[in-house]
Amino acid sequence: MSLRLRVLLVLLFLLLFVGAPLAPAPAHAQSAETAAVITELKPGRGRVEVKAAGGDWKPARPLLALRAGDMVRASDDAKTAVLLSGGRGTMRIEGPNGAFTVPAAAAAGQGQRARALVEASLGFLAGTTRESSQAVLATRSAARPPIIVSPRNGRVLPEPLAFEWLGSRFSHYTVRLVGPAGPVVDRREVTGARWSYPADAPPLTAGTRYTLQVVAGSQPAQEAWFEVVDAERAREVASDLAGLEQELGPAVSPTSRAVLRAGLLAREGFLHDARRVVVAGLAADRDEPTLHQLLGDIYTRTGLTDLAAESFDEASYLLGK
């Protein structure tokens, strides 16, 4: 795909998926385009609030899309990070008297591929809060079957694969991988809820749909499919991620960097790989509600409503709601 066509597609995507304005405002007072997204948010004992042009102060939300002219403020020990569009980096606002007004984005130059990648990730992230942040109705049970968490019904990059499911690290499972011609790998007495594809197992074929089956005792087998993309597509994704890193620069925090990387991967349909990035981010920053919010969105997209509800609940708890 040519660079010109990529940029045009990104612009079309942003037009379709930017989030709703915080409050109605006159057309001359506020741009309709996303100028920034909240990528980190820790209220602490204080509050982080946003105010649209002509509107009132409202509590900030993770992954909230901001327009030019929107104001952000923090009180007490609250702090937040706002990633600006147009390759302008991150602005950190901290209490007790931190405040910031989102500036208008400069016109993008021609051939700015890396910048277009950041805009694409921002556009995706700005749209995640419109549906998934609503309450998720889920029935929780103490005894859950080994429901496959990841990869789950989607494409994956051809990296060493690790499969995860809901289960106990002390329990034993039968794990079976089935391809079009029949079983590829069959392992019994797998301990724990995670299994890495063996290095000595037959290599997986790109573009082929495989089904993972996990069985616990006498329970019915749980299944999910995945498809490994070919080497060319994998190189394209790797190049996009490298371009994103280049555009973000060293000043962007690891947490905001994880949010943007996961957003770009999820936008391209690589939910398994996006989840890996978010989980790694949470290992380093467990109390960041934005990461829990994004993880809940990924679980929503893969049909895991119980896990989505848990992630959204954790984000709300950390936000003090």
C-alpha atoms as a PDB file:
ATOM      1  CA  MET A   1       0.000   0.000   0.000  1.00  0.00           C
ATOM      2  CA  SER A   2       1.438   3.404  -0.949  1.00  0.00           C
ATOM      3  CA  LEU A   3       2.196   5.996   1.722  1.00  0.00           C
ATOM      4  CA  ARG A   4      -0.273   8.420   0.154  1.00  0.00           C
ATOM      5  CA  LEU A   5      -3.056   5.856   0.393  1.00  0.00           C
ATOM      6  CA  ARG A   6      -2.095   5.032   4.006  1.00  0.00           C
ATOM      7  CA  VAL A   7      -2.372   8.696   5.009  1.00  0.00           C
ATOM      8  CA  LEU A   8      -5.736   9.041   3.277  1.00  0.00           C
ATOM      9  CA  LEU A   9      -7.041   5.956   5.076  1.00  0.00           C
ATOM     10  CA  VAL A  10      -5.825   7.291   8.424  1.00  0.00           C
ATOM     11  CA  LEU A  11      -7.593  10.599   7.832  1.00  0.00           C
ATOM     12  CA  LEU A  12     -10.793   8.752   6.952  1.00  0.00           C
ATOM     13  CA  PHE A  13     -10.444   6.615  10.107  1.00  0.00           C
ATOM     14  CA  LEU A  14     -10.077   9.682  12.311  1.00  0.00           C
ATOM     15  CA  LEU A  15     -13.173  11.239  10.803  1.00  0.00           C
ATOM     16  CA  LEU A  16     -15.181   8.106  11.592  1.00  0.00           C
ATOM     17  CA  PHE A  17     -13.866   7.218  15.050  1.00  0.00           C
ATOM     18  CA  VAL A  18     -13.077  10.336  17.058  1.00  0.00           C
ATOM     19  CA  GLY A  19     -14.942  10.442  20.340  1.00  0.00           C
ATOM     20  CA  ALA A  20     -17.970  12.584  21.085  1.00  0.00           C
ATOM     21  CA  PRO A  21     -17.359  16.159  22.368  1.00  0.00           C
ATOM     22  CA  LEU A  22     -17.444  16.692  26.107  1.00  0.00           C
ATOM     23  CA  ALA A  23     -20.230  19.238  25.784  1.00  0.00           C
ATOM     24  CA  PRO A  24     -21.952  21.157  22.974  1.00  0.00           C
ATOM     25  CA  ALA A  25     -19.899  24.147  21.872  1.00  0.00           C
ATOM     26  CA  PRO A  26     -20.103  26.713  19.099  1.00  0.00           C
ATOM     27  CA  ALA A  27     -18.311  25.672  15.936  1.00  0.00           C
ATOM     28  CA  HIS A  28     -16.004  28.670  16.073  1.00  0.00           C
ATOM     29  CA  ALA A  29     -14.977  27.942  19.685  1.00  0.00           C
ATOM     30  CA  GLN A  30     -13.729  24.393  19.366  1.00  0.00           C
ATOM     31  CA  SER A  31     -12.248  22.170  16.704  1.00  0.00           C
ATOM     32  CA  ALA A  32     -14.076  18.917  15.949  1.00  0.00           C
ATOM     33  CA  GLU A  33     -10.834  16.960  15.666  1.00  0.00           C
ATOM     34  CA  THR A  34      -9.123  15.047  18.439  1.00  0.00           C
ATOM     35  CA  ALA A  35      -6.128  17.086  19.562  1.00  0.00           C
ATOM     36  CA  ALA A  36      -5.091  14.911  22.512  1.00  0.00           C
ATOM     37  CA  VAL A  37      -5.996  11.814  24.527  1.00  0.00           C
ATOM     38  CA  ILE A  38      -5.619  11.177  28.274  1.00  0.00           C
ATOM     39  CA  THR A  39      -3.197   8.255  28.531  1.00  0.00           C
ATOM     40  CA  GLU A  40      -2.506   8.298  32.288  1.00  0.00           C
ATOM     41  CA  LEU A  41      -4.783   9.288  35.164  1.00  0.00           C
ATOM     42  CA  LYS A  42      -4.161   8.960  38.919  1.00  0.00           C
ATOM     43  CA  PRO A  43      -6.581  10.959  41.096  1.00  0.00           C
ATOM     44  CA  GLY A  44      -4.924  10.098  44.419  1.00  0.00           C
ATOM     45  CA  ARG A  45      -6.538  12.269  47.092  1.00  0.00           C
ATOM     46  CA  GLY A  46      -7.455  14.938  44.570  1.00  0.00           C
ATOM     47  CA  ARG A  47      -9.279  15.173  41.261  1.00  0.00           C
ATOM     48  CA  VAL A  48      -8.467  15.480  37.594  1.00  0.00           C
ATOM     49  CA  GLU A  49     -11.102  17.454  35.707  1.00  0.00           C
ATOM     50  CA  VAL A  50     -11.671  18.623  32.143  1.00  0.00           C
ATOM     51  CA  LYS A  51     -13.627  21.544  30.776  1.00  0.00           C
ATOM     52  CA  ALA A  52     -14.704  21.951  27.183  1.00  0.00           C
ATOM     53  CA  ALA A  53     -14.985  25.417  25.681  1.00  0.00           C
ATOM     54  CA  GLY A  54     -18.239  26.875  26.942  1.00  0.00           C
ATOM     55  CA  GLY A  55     -18.877  23.897  29.253  1.00  0.00           C
ATOM     56  CA  ASP A  56     -18.528  23.012  32.912  1.00  0.00           C
ATOM     57  CA  TRP A  57     -15.774  21.161  34.744  1.00  0.00           C
ATOM     58  CA  LYS A  58     -16.299  17.382  34.683  1.00  0.00           C
ATOM     59  CA  PRO A  59     -14.293  14.417  36.029  1.00  0.00           C
ATOM     60  CA  ALA A  60     -11.677  13.201  33.569  1.00  0.00           C
ATOM     61  CA  ARG A  61     -11.822   9.655  32.208  1.00  0.00           C
ATOM     62  CA  PRO A  62      -9.091   7.349  30.915  1.00  0.00           C
ATOM     63  CA  LEU A  63      -8.604   7.535  27.132  1.00  0.00           C
ATOM     64  CA  LEU A  64     -10.793  10.640  26.951  1.00  0.00           C
ATOM     65  CA  ALA A  65     -10.500  12.469  23.624  1.00  0.00           C
ATOM     66  CA  LEU A  66      -9.699  16.162  24.003  1.00  0.00           C
ATOM     67  CA  ARG A  67     -10.255  18.980  21.523  1.00  0.00           C
ATOM     68  CA  ALA A  68      -8.313  22.164  20.995  1.00  0.00           C
ATOM     69  CA  GLY A  69      -9.348  24.618  23.705  1.00  0.00           C
ATOM     70  CA  ASP A  70     -10.269  21.965  26.288  1.00  0.00           C
ATOM     71  CA  MET A  71      -8.798  22.618  29.727  1.00  0.00           C
ATOM     72  CA  VAL A  72      -7.382  20.056  32.154  1.00  0.00           C
ATOM     73  CA  ARG A  73      -6.669  20.681  35.828  1.00  0.00           C
ATOM     74  CA  ALA A  74      -5.461  18.629  38.796  1.00  0.00           C
ATOM     75  CA  SER A  75      -5.910  19.188  42.526  1.00  0.00           C
ATOM     76  CA  ASP A  76      -4.101  17.947  45.646  1.00  0.00           C
ATOM     77  CA  ASP A  77      -1.795  15.028  44.635  1.00  0.00           C
ATOM     78  CA  ALA A  78      -3.707  14.072  41.464  1.00  0.00           C
ATOM     79  CA  LYS A  79      -1.797  13.774  38.212  1.00  0.00           C
ATOM     80  CA  THR A  80      -2.467  12.950  34.593  1.00  0.00           C
ATOM     81  CA  ALA A  81      -0.670  12.653  31.267  1.00  0.00           C
ATOM     82  CA  VAL A  82      -2.106  14.000  28.016  1.00  0.00           C
ATOM     83  CA  LEU A  83      -0.657  12.779  24.728  1.00  0.00           C
ATOM     84  CA  LEU A  84      -0.932  15.468  22.075  1.00  0.00           C
ATOM     85  CA  SER A  85      -1.593  14.728  18.430  1.00  0.00           C
ATOM     86  CA  GLY A  86       0.697  15.874  15.668  1.00  0.00           C
ATOM     87  CA  GLY A  87       3.863  14.464  17.200  1.00  0.00           C
ATOM     88  CA  ARG A  88       3.875  17.078  19.978  1.00  0.00           C
ATOM     89  CA  GLY A  89       4.673  14.685  22.810  1.00  0.00           C
ATOM     90  CA  THR A  90       3.115  14.359  26.250  1.00  0.00           C
ATOM     91  CA  MET A  91       2.037  17.007  28.731  1.00  0.00           C
ATOM     92  CA  ARG A  92       1.951  16.031  32.421  1.00  0.00           C
ATOM     93  CA  ILE A  93      -0.416  17.923  34.733  1.00  0.00           C
ATOM     94  CA  GLU A  94       0.015  17.535  38.493  1.00  0.00           C
ATOM     95  CA  GLY A  95      -1.743  18.987  41.526  1.00  0.00           C
ATOM     96  CA  PRO A  96      -2.295  20.930  43.610  1.00  0.00           C
ATOM     97  CA  ASN A  97      -2.600  23.694  41.023  1.00  0.00           C
ATOM     98  CA  GLY A  98      -1.652  22.081  37.720  1.00  0.00           C
ATOM     99  CA  ALA A  99      -3.613  23.276  34.684  1.00  0.00           C
ATOM    100  CA  PHE A 100      -3.278  22.974  30.921  1.00  0.00           C
ATOM    101  CA  THR A 101      -5.175  24.136  27.855  1.00  0.00           C
ATOM    102  CA  VAL A 102      -4.986  21.841  24.833  1.00  0.00           C
ATOM    103  CA  PRO A 103      -3.493  23.744  21.877  1.00  0.00           C
ATOM    104  CA  ALA A 104      -4.671  23.338  18.312  1.00  0.00           C
ATOM    105  CA  ALA A 105      -2.799  20.763  16.254  1.00  0.00           C
ATOM    106  CA  ALA A 106      -0.445  22.054  13.591  1.00  0.00           C
ATOM    107  CA  ALA A 107      -1.108  21.025  10.013  1.00  0.00           C
ATOM    108  CA  ALA A 108       0.543  17.703   9.236  1.00  0.00           C
ATOM    109  CA  GLY A 109       3.307  17.769   6.665  1.00  0.00           C
ATOM    110  CA  GLN A 110       3.447  15.512   3.653  1.00  0.00           C
ATOM    111  CA  GLY A 111       5.077  12.148   4.060  1.00  0.00           C
ATOM    112  CA  GLN A 112       4.889  12.074   7.851  1.00  0.00           C
ATOM    113  CA  ARG A 113       4.295   8.338   8.129  1.00  0.00           C
ATOM    114  CA  ALA A 114       5.312   8.043  11.784  1.00  0.00           C
ATOM    115  CA  ARG A 115       3.045  10.918  12.737  1.00  0.00           C
ATOM    116  CA  ALA A 116       0.153   9.306  10.869  1.00  0.00           C
ATOM    117  CA  LEU A 117       0.666   6.149  12.942  1.00  0.00           C
ATOM    118  CA  VAL A 118       0.360   8.110  16.184  1.00  0.00           C
ATOM    119  CA  GLU A 119      -2.796   9.780  14.857  1.00  0.00           C
ATOM    120  CA  ALA A 120      -4.237   6.383  13.940  1.00  0.00           C
ATOM    121  CA  SER A 121      -3.609   5.011  17.435  1.00  0.00           C
ATOM    122  CA  LEU A 122      -5.046   8.154  19.028  1.00  0.00           C
ATOM    123  CA  GLY A 123      -8.130   7.873  16.848  1.00  0.00           C
ATOM    124  CA  PHE A 124      -8.692   4.283  17.915  1.00  0.00           C
ATOM    125  CA  LEU A 125      -8.145   5.034  21.607  1.00  0.00           C
ATOM    126  CA  ALA A 126     -10.473   8.031  21.494  1.00  0.00           C
ATOM    127  CA  GLY A 127     -13.260   5.740  20.354  1.00  0.00           C
ATOM    128  CA  THR A 128     -12.800   3.028  22.973  1.00  0.00           C
ATOM    129  CA  THR A 129     -14.658   4.842  25.762  1.00  0.00           C
ATOM    130  CA  ARG A 130     -17.887   5.412  23.845  1.00  0.00           C
ATOM    131  CA  GLU A 131     -19.242   1.878  24.228  1.00  0.00           C
ATOM    132  CA  SER A 132     -16.950  -0.217  26.386  1.00  0.00           C
ATOM    133  CA  SER A 133     -16.912   2.186  29.322  1.00  0.00           C
ATOM    134  CA  GLN A 134     -20.588   1.509  29.870  1.00  0.00           C
ATOM    135  CA  ALA A 135     -21.530  -1.055  32.512  1.00  0.00           C
ATOM    136  CA  VAL A 136     -20.886  -4.623  31.404  1.00  0.00           C
ATOM    137  CA  LEU A 137     -23.436  -7.123  32.642  1.00  0.00           C
ATOM    138  CA  ALA A 138     -21.691 -10.352  33.554  1.00  0.00           C
ATOM    139  CA  THR A 139     -22.412 -13.361  35.715  1.00  0.00           C
ATOM    140  CA  ARG A 140     -19.451 -14.247  37.877  1.00  0.00           C
ATOM    141  CA  SER A 141     -18.958 -17.755  39.175  1.00  0.00           C
ATOM    142  CA  ALA A 142     -16.460 -19.175  41.641  1.00  0.00           C
ATOM    143  CA  ALA A 143     -15.967 -22.304  39.518  1.00  0.00           C
ATOM    144  CA  ARG A 144     -15.220 -21.249  35.978  1.00  0.00           C
ATOM    145  CA  PRO A 145     -14.321 -23.540  33.095  1.00  0.00           C
ATOM    146  CA  PRO A 146     -10.918 -23.028  31.454  1.00  0.00           C
ATOM    147  CA  ILE A 147     -12.208 -20.369  29.037  1.00  0.00           C
ATOM    148  CA  ILE A 148      -9.471 -19.419  26.592  1.00  0.00           C
ATOM    149  CA  VAL A 149      -8.354 -15.824  27.068  1.00  0.00           C
ATOM    150  CA  SER A 150      -5.676 -15.324  24.425  1.00  0.00           C
ATOM    151  CA  PRO A 151      -5.266 -15.744  21.529  1.00  0.00           C
ATOM    152  CA  ARG A 152      -8.992 -15.775  21.016  1.00  0.00           C
ATOM    153  CA  ASN A 153     -10.640 -15.782  17.598  1.00  0.00           C
ATOM    154  CA  GLY A 154      -8.297 -13.463  15.741  1.00  0.00           C
ATOM    155  CA  ARG A 155      -5.001 -12.866  13.996  1.00  0.00           C
ATOM    156  CA  VAL A 156      -1.641 -13.109  15.746  1.00  0.00           C
ATOM    157  CA  LEU A 157       1.907 -12.150  14.888  1.00  0.00           C
ATOM    158  CA  PRO A 158       4.303 -15.036  14.144  1.00  0.00           C
ATOM    159  CA  GLU A 159       6.198 -14.788  17.399  1.00  0.00           C
ATOM    160  CA  PRO A 160       6.632 -17.529  20.003  1.00  0.00           C
ATOM    161  CA  LEU A 161       3.033 -18.096  21.033  1.00  0.00           C
ATOM    162  CA  ALA A 162       1.838 -18.455  24.610  1.00  0.00           C
ATOM    163  CA  PHE A 163      -1.752 -19.534  25.208  1.00  0.00           C
ATOM    164  CA  GLU A 164      -3.675 -18.473  28.320  1.00  0.00           C
ATOM    165  CA  TRP A 165      -7.006 -19.500  29.804  1.00  0.00           C
ATOM    166  CA  LEU A 166      -8.993 -19.038  32.999  1.00  0.00           C
ATOM    167  CA  GLY A 167      -7.749 -21.625  35.435  1.00  0.00           C
ATOM    168  CA  SER A 168      -5.562 -22.477  38.381  1.00  0.00           C
ATOM    169  CA  ARG A 169      -1.789 -22.647  38.340  1.00  0.00           C
ATOM    170  CA  PHE A 170      -2.048 -25.911  40.284  1.00  0.00           C
ATOM    171  CA  SER A 171      -4.612 -27.662  38.064  1.00  0.00           C
ATOM    172  CA  HIS A 172      -3.863 -30.036  35.196  1.00  0.00           C
ATOM    173  CA  TYR A 173      -5.257 -29.618  31.699  1.00  0.00           C
ATOM    174  CA  THR A 174      -5.239 -31.327  28.350  1.00  0.00           C
ATOM    175  CA  VAL A 175      -4.193 -28.929  25.583  1.00  0.00           C
ATOM    176  CA  ARG A 176      -4.747 -29.766  21.947  1.00  0.00           C
ATOM    177  CA  LEU A 177      -3.995 -27.717  18.817  1.00  0.00           C
ATOM    178  CA  VAL A 178      -5.958 -28.726  15.727  1.00  0.00           C
ATOM    179  CA  GLY A 179      -5.354 -27.646  12.134  1.00  0.00           C
ATOM    180  CA  PRO A 180      -7.249 -28.292   8.882  1.00  0.00           C
ATOM    181  CA  ALA A 181      -5.652 -31.734   8.597  1.00  0.00           C
ATOM    182  CA  GLY A 182      -6.238 -32.755  12.204  1.00  0.00           C
ATOM    183  CA  PRO A 183      -4.320 -32.528  15.519  1.00  0.00           C
ATOM    184  CA  VAL A 184      -0.977 -30.725  15.408  1.00  0.00           C
ATOM    185  CA  VAL A 185      -0.010 -30.951  19.078  1.00  0.00           C
ATOM    186  CA  ASP A 186      -1.638 -32.903  21.911  1.00  0.00           C
ATOM    187  CA  ARG A 187      -0.350 -32.388  25.459  1.00  0.00           C
ATOM    188  CA  ARG A 188      -1.776 -33.936  28.602  1.00  0.00           C
ATOM    189  CA  GLU A 189      -1.150 -33.016  32.224  1.00  0.00           C
ATOM    190  CA  VAL A 190      -0.288 -29.400  31.426  1.00  0.00           C
ATOM    191  CA  THR A 191       0.048 -27.635  34.778  1.00  0.00           C
ATOM    192  CA  GLY A 192      -1.243 -24.105  35.172  1.00  0.00           C
ATOM    193  CA  ALA A 193      -3.302 -21.793  32.978  1.00  0.00           C
ATOM    194  CA  ARG A 194      -0.583 -20.942  30.466  1.00  0.00           C
ATOM    195  CA  TRP A 195       1.115 -23.015  27.802  1.00  0.00           C
ATOM    196  CA  SER A 196       3.813 -21.985  25.328  1.00  0.00           C
ATOM    197  CA  TYR A 197       3.905 -23.521  21.890  1.00  0.00           C
ATOM    198  CA  PRO A 198       6.810 -25.995  21.964  1.00  0.00           C
ATOM    199  CA  ALA A 199       9.902 -25.147  19.949  1.00  0.00           C
ATOM    200  CA  ASP A 200      10.102 -28.735  18.700  1.00  0.00           C
ATOM    201  CA  ALA A 201       6.459 -28.805  17.522  1.00  0.00           C
ATOM    202  CA  PRO A 202       5.582 -28.509  13.813  1.00  0.00           C
ATOM    203  CA  PRO A 203       5.861 -24.885  12.598  1.00  0.00           C
ATOM    204  CA  LEU A 204       2.533 -23.116  12.177  1.00  0.00           C
ATOM    205  CA  THR A 205       1.523 -22.168   8.640  1.00  0.00           C
ATOM    206  CA  ALA A 206       0.664 -18.535   7.908  1.00  0.00           C
ATOM    207  CA  GLY A 207      -2.903 -17.908   6.788  1.00  0.00           C
ATOM    208  CA  THR A 208      -4.137 -21.191   8.282  1.00  0.00           C
ATOM    209  CA  ARG A 209      -6.833 -21.241  10.925  1.00  0.00           C
ATOM    210  CA  TYR A 210      -5.964 -23.321  13.985  1.00  0.00           C
ATOM    211  CA  THR A 211      -8.222 -24.258  16.884  1.00  0.00           C
ATOM    212  CA  LEU A 212      -6.954 -24.448  20.448  1.00  0.00           C
ATOM    213  CA  GLN A 213      -8.813 -26.853  22.732  1.00  0.00           C
ATOM    214  CA  VAL A 214      -8.384 -26.870  26.508  1.00  0.00           C
ATOM    215  CA  VAL A 215      -9.979 -29.581  28.648  1.00  0.00           C
ATOM    216  CA  ALA A 216     -10.206 -29.739  32.446  1.00  0.00           C
ATOM    217  CA  GLY A 217     -11.210 -33.108  33.867  1.00  0.00           C
ATOM    218  CA  SER A 218     -14.616 -34.198  32.607  1.00  0.00           C
ATOM    219  CA  GLN A 219     -15.709 -30.698  31.551  1.00  0.00           C
ATOM    220  CA  PRO A 220     -16.448 -30.016  27.863  1.00  0.00           C
ATOM    221  CA  ALA A 221     -13.513 -28.819  25.804  1.00  0.00           C
ATOM    222  CA  GLN A 222     -13.174 -25.047  25.507  1.00  0.00           C
ATOM    223  CA  GLU A 223     -12.169 -23.765  22.072  1.00  0.00           C
ATOM    224  CA  ALA A 224     -10.859 -20.664  20.340  1.00  0.00           C
ATOM    225  CA  TRP A 225      -9.310 -20.173  16.925  1.00  0.00           C
ATOM    226  CA  PHE A 226      -6.390 -18.063  15.747  1.00  0.00           C
ATOM    227  CA  GLU A 227      -4.544 -17.385  12.521  1.00  0.00           C
ATOM    228  CA  VAL A 228      -0.861 -16.498  12.155  1.00  0.00           C
ATOM    229  CA  VAL A 229      -0.193 -13.706   9.636  1.00  0.00           C
ATOM    230  CA  ASP A 230       2.489 -14.090   6.997  1.00  0.00           C
ATOM    231  CA  ALA A 231       6.021 -12.738   7.269  1.00  0.00           C
ATOM    232  CA  GLU A 232       5.354  -9.731   5.035  1.00  0.00           C
ATOM    233  CA  ARG A 233       2.425  -8.537   7.150  1.00  0.00           C
ATOM    234  CA  ALA A 234       4.455  -9.142  10.299  1.00  0.00           C
ATOM    235  CA  ARG A 235       7.268  -6.963   8.908  1.00  0.00           C
ATOM    236  CA  GLU A 236       4.754  -4.206   8.139  1.00  0.00           C
ATOM    237  CA  VAL A 237       3.462  -4.281  11.716  1.00  0.00           C
ATOM    238  CA  ALA A 238       7.001  -4.279  13.120  1.00  0.00           C
ATOM    239  CA  SER A 239       7.843  -1.312  10.920  1.00  0.00           C
ATOM    240  CA  ASP A 240       4.732   0.544  12.083  1.00  0.00           C
ATOM    241  CA  LEU A 241       5.592  -0.071  15.734  1.00  0.00           C
ATOM    242  CA  ALA A 242       9.154   1.126  15.151  1.00  0.00           C
ATOM    243  CA  GLY A 243       7.793   4.251  13.453  1.00  0.00           C
ATOM    244  CA  LEU A 244       5.476   4.846  16.380  1.00  0.00           C
ATOM    245  CA  GLU A 245       8.376   4.566  18.820  1.00  0.00           C
ATOM    246  CA  GLN A 246      10.415   6.992  16.737  1.00  0.00           C
ATOM    247  CA  GLU A 247       7.626   9.554  16.722  1.00  0.00           C
ATOM    248  CA  LEU A 248       6.953   9.272  20.456  1.00  0.00           C
ATOM    249  CA  GLY A 249      10.578   9.845  21.390  1.00  0.00           C
ATOM    250  CA  PRO A 250      12.255   9.193  24.744  1.00  0.00           C
ATOM    251  CA  ALA A 251      10.212  11.735  26.739  1.00  0.00           C
ATOM    252  CA  VAL A 252       6.984   9.702  26.619  1.00  0.00           C
ATOM    253  CA  SER A 253       6.548   7.489  29.706  1.00  0.00           C
ATOM    254  CA  PRO A 254       6.507   3.683  29.449  1.00  0.00           C
ATOM    255  CA  THR A 255       2.821   3.636  30.421  1.00  0.00           C
ATOM    256  CA  SER A 256       1.727   6.083  27.729  1.00  0.00           C
ATOM    257  CA  ARG A 257       3.970   4.253  25.281  1.00  0.00           C
ATOM    258  CA  ALA A 258       2.232   0.959  26.126  1.00  0.00           C
ATOM    259  CA  VAL A 259      -1.181   2.580  25.635  1.00  0.00           C
ATOM    260  CA  LEU A 260      -0.223   3.849  22.172  1.00  0.00           C
ATOM    261  CA  ARG A 261       1.396   0.568  21.101  1.00  0.00           C
ATOM    262  CA  ALA A 262      -1.626  -1.425  22.238  1.00  0.00           C
ATOM    263  CA  GLY A 263      -3.956   1.015  20.507  1.00  0.00           C
ATOM    264  CA  LEU A 264      -2.137   0.621  17.195  1.00  0.00           C
ATOM    265  CA  LEU A 265      -2.100  -3.186  17.442  1.00  0.00           C
ATOM    266  CA  ALA A 266      -5.770  -3.386  18.435  1.00  0.00           C
ATOM    267  CA  ARG A 267      -6.720  -1.047  15.603  1.00  0.00           C
ATOM    268  CA  GLU A 268      -5.089  -3.487  13.173  1.00  0.00           C
ATOM    269  CA  GLY A 269      -6.996  -6.417  14.695  1.00  0.00           C
ATOM    270  CA  PHE A 270      -4.085  -7.913  16.679  1.00  0.00           C
ATOM    271  CA  LEU A 271      -5.954  -8.135  19.979  1.00  0.00           C
ATOM    272  CA  HIS A 272      -3.765 -10.965  21.305  1.00  0.00           C
ATOM    273  CA  ASP A 273      -0.626  -8.897  20.828  1.00  0.00           C
ATOM    274  CA  ALA A 274      -2.322  -5.720  22.110  1.00  0.00           C
ATOM    275  CA  ARG A 275      -3.292  -7.575  25.277  1.00  0.00           C
ATOM    276  CA  ARG A 276       0.304  -8.707  25.774  1.00  0.00           C
ATOM    277  CA  VAL A 277       1.450  -5.074  25.658  1.00  0.00           C
ATOM    278  CA  VAL A 278      -1.203  -3.969  28.164  1.00  0.00           C
ATOM    279  CA  VAL A 279      -0.485  -6.850  30.553  1.00  0.00           C
ATOM    280  CA  ALA A 280       3.231  -6.001  30.448  1.00  0.00           C
ATOM    281  CA  GLY A 281       2.352  -2.357  31.133  1.00  0.00           C
ATOM    282  CA  LEU A 282       0.257  -3.361  34.139  1.00  0.00           C
ATOM    283  CA  ALA A 283       3.117  -5.429  35.522  1.00  0.00           C
ATOM    284  CA  ALA A 284       5.103  -2.191  35.769  1.00  0.00           C
ATOM    285  CA  ASP A 285       2.220   0.180  36.634  1.00  0.00           C
ATOM    286  CA  ARG A 286      -0.532  -1.836  38.330  1.00  0.00           C
ATOM    287  CA  ASP A 287      -2.423   1.219  39.626  1.00  0.00           C
ATOM    288  CA  GLU A 288      -2.928   2.925  36.256  1.00  0.00           C
ATOM    289  CA  PRO A 289      -6.687   2.926  35.493  1.00  0.00           C
ATOM    290  CA  THR A 290      -6.081   3.723  31.816  1.00  0.00           C
ATOM    291  CA  LEU A 291      -4.411   0.348  31.314  1.00  0.00           C
ATOM    292  CA  HIS A 292      -7.263  -1.460  33.082  1.00  0.00           C
ATOM    293  CA  GLN A 293      -9.761   0.464  30.937  1.00  0.00           C
ATOM    294  CA  LEU A 294      -7.933  -0.502  27.751  1.00  0.00           C
ATOM    295  CA  LEU A 295      -7.681  -4.134  28.867  1.00  0.00           C
ATOM    296  CA  GLY A 296     -11.436  -4.134  29.495  1.00  0.00           C
ATOM    297  CA  ASP A 297     -12.008  -2.826  25.985  1.00  0.00           C
ATOM    298  CA  ILE A 298      -9.869  -5.636  24.536  1.00  0.00           C
ATOM    299  CA  TYR A 299     -11.804  -8.223  26.532  1.00  0.00           C
ATOM    300  CA  THR A 300     -15.082  -6.704  25.344  1.00  0.00           C
ATOM    301  CA  ARG A 301     -13.975  -7.030  21.727  1.00  0.00           C
ATOM    302  CA  THR A 302     -13.129 -10.705  22.253  1.00  0.00           C
ATOM    303  CA  GLY A 303     -16.413 -11.514  24.012  1.00  0.00           C
ATOM    304  CA  LEU A 304     -14.937 -12.030  27.497  1.00  0.00           C
ATOM    305  CA  THR A 305     -17.566 -10.034  29.382  1.00  0.00           C
ATOM    306  CA  ASP A 306     -16.626 -11.356  32.836  1.00  0.00           C
ATOM    307  CA  LEU A 307     -13.013 -10.272  32.462  1.00  0.00           C
ATOM    308  CA  ALA A 308     -14.089  -6.987  30.870  1.00  0.00           C
ATOM    309  CA  ALA A 309     -16.328  -6.256  33.866  1.00  0.00           C
ATOM    310  CA  GLU A 310     -13.470  -7.000  36.260  1.00  0.00           C
ATOM    311  CA  SER A 311     -11.115  -4.679  34.371  1.00  0.00           C
ATOM    312  CA  PHE A 312     -13.669  -1.849  34.229  1.00  0.00           C
ATOM    313  CA  ASP A 313     -14.427  -2.342  37.936  1.00  0.00           C
ATOM    314  CA  GLU A 314     -10.724  -2.065  38.745  1.00  0.00           C
ATOM    315  CA  ALA A 315     -10.409   1.101  36.659  1.00  0.00           C
ATOM    316  CA  SER A 316     -13.420   2.618  38.460  1.00  0.00           C
ATOM    317  CA  TYR A 317     -11.986   1.653  41.850  1.00  0.00           C
ATOM    318  CA  LEU A 318      -8.662   3.292  41.056  1.00  0.00           C
ATOM    319  CA  LEU A 319     -10.497   6.391  39.870  1.00  0.00           C
ATOM    320  CA  GLY A 320     -12.314   6.546  43.208  1.00  0.00           C
ATOM    321  CA  LYS A 321     -15.770   6.046  41.707  1.00  0.00           C
END
